Protein backbone atom coordinates (compact mmCIF):
# COMPACT_ATOMS: atom_id res chain seq x y z
CA MET A 1 19.34 92.85 62.25
CA GLU A 2 20.81 95.39 59.89
CA PRO A 3 18.21 96.62 57.38
CA TRP A 4 20.76 97.58 54.70
CA ARG A 5 22.30 94.11 54.88
CA LEU A 6 18.93 92.38 54.68
CA LYS A 7 17.96 94.43 51.64
CA LYS A 8 21.29 93.80 49.95
CA GLU A 9 21.21 90.05 50.58
CA PHE A 10 17.52 89.26 50.13
CA GLY A 11 15.94 92.30 48.47
CA LYS A 12 15.78 90.80 45.00
CA ASP A 13 13.96 87.71 46.28
CA ILE A 14 11.48 88.86 48.93
CA THR A 15 9.25 91.75 49.96
CA PHE A 16 9.89 93.36 53.33
CA CYS A 17 6.92 94.38 55.46
CA THR A 18 8.39 96.23 58.44
CA GLY A 19 10.29 99.33 59.42
CA ILE A 20 8.68 100.98 62.43
CA ASP A 21 9.90 99.67 65.77
CA ILE A 22 7.09 99.26 68.31
CA GLN A 23 9.30 98.82 71.38
CA ARG A 24 11.38 102.00 71.18
CA THR A 25 10.35 104.23 68.29
CA LEU A 26 6.57 104.50 68.63
CA PRO A 27 6.39 104.76 72.43
CA PHE A 28 9.51 106.82 73.18
CA GLU A 29 10.64 108.87 70.16
CA THR A 30 9.44 112.36 69.38
CA PRO A 31 7.20 112.76 66.31
CA ASP A 32 10.18 114.23 64.42
CA GLY A 33 12.28 111.24 65.47
CA VAL A 34 9.60 108.87 64.21
CA LYS A 35 9.58 110.67 60.86
CA ARG A 36 13.38 110.33 60.62
CA VAL A 37 13.14 106.58 61.34
CA VAL A 38 10.39 106.06 58.77
CA LYS A 39 12.28 108.06 56.14
CA LYS A 40 15.47 106.06 56.80
CA MET A 41 13.67 102.71 56.54
CA ILE A 42 12.11 103.79 53.24
CA GLU A 43 15.52 104.90 51.95
CA VAL A 44 17.01 101.51 52.86
CA TYR A 45 14.25 99.10 51.87
CA ALA A 46 12.31 100.77 49.04
CA PRO A 47 14.87 101.05 46.19
CA GLY A 48 14.03 98.45 43.57
CA GLY A 49 10.61 97.76 45.09
CA GLY A 50 9.59 95.06 47.48
CA PHE A 51 8.83 97.13 50.58
CA ILE A 52 5.71 97.75 52.64
CA ILE A 53 6.25 100.22 55.49
CA SER A 54 4.52 99.09 58.66
CA PRO A 55 5.04 98.58 62.37
CA THR A 56 7.09 95.51 63.17
CA HIS A 57 4.00 93.98 64.76
CA ASN A 58 0.76 95.31 66.24
CA ILE A 59 0.79 98.85 67.57
CA GLU A 60 0.95 98.49 71.34
CA PRO A 61 -1.06 100.56 73.86
CA ASP A 62 2.04 102.46 75.01
CA ALA A 63 2.55 103.97 71.54
CA ASN A 64 2.27 107.73 71.58
CA PRO A 65 -0.73 108.69 69.36
CA GLU A 66 1.22 111.64 67.94
CA ASN A 67 3.94 109.21 66.89
CA ILE A 68 1.45 106.99 65.08
CA VAL A 69 0.24 110.02 63.13
CA ALA A 70 3.85 111.07 62.45
CA ALA A 71 4.66 107.60 61.08
CA TYR A 72 1.65 107.73 58.77
CA GLU A 73 2.52 111.24 57.57
CA ALA A 74 6.15 110.28 56.90
CA ALA A 75 5.07 107.18 54.99
CA GLN A 76 2.78 109.33 52.85
CA GLU A 77 5.50 111.91 52.25
CA TYR A 78 8.48 109.64 51.58
CA GLY A 79 6.96 106.31 50.58
CA LYS A 80 5.66 106.76 47.07
CA TYR A 81 7.09 104.70 44.25
CA PRO A 82 7.41 106.53 40.93
CA ILE A 83 4.57 105.87 38.54
CA SER A 84 5.90 104.65 35.22
């Protein structure tokens, strides 16, 4: 599925709770790669609200612990909505 298309088509009607792939990103990316993925998902899904960054499912045992930390750090850095 294409995140930008999902957001465009359904973003005004639903909240997305996803963004971090558990099959490729968390087990096989570098920590910097994970941060790029998280940042991109936030850039696509967050505008206008309705986004909760999370793994696509449970974090599996093959996930690199450094990547889990990198995902959390990127979410903290890039995932704040403006306070109005």
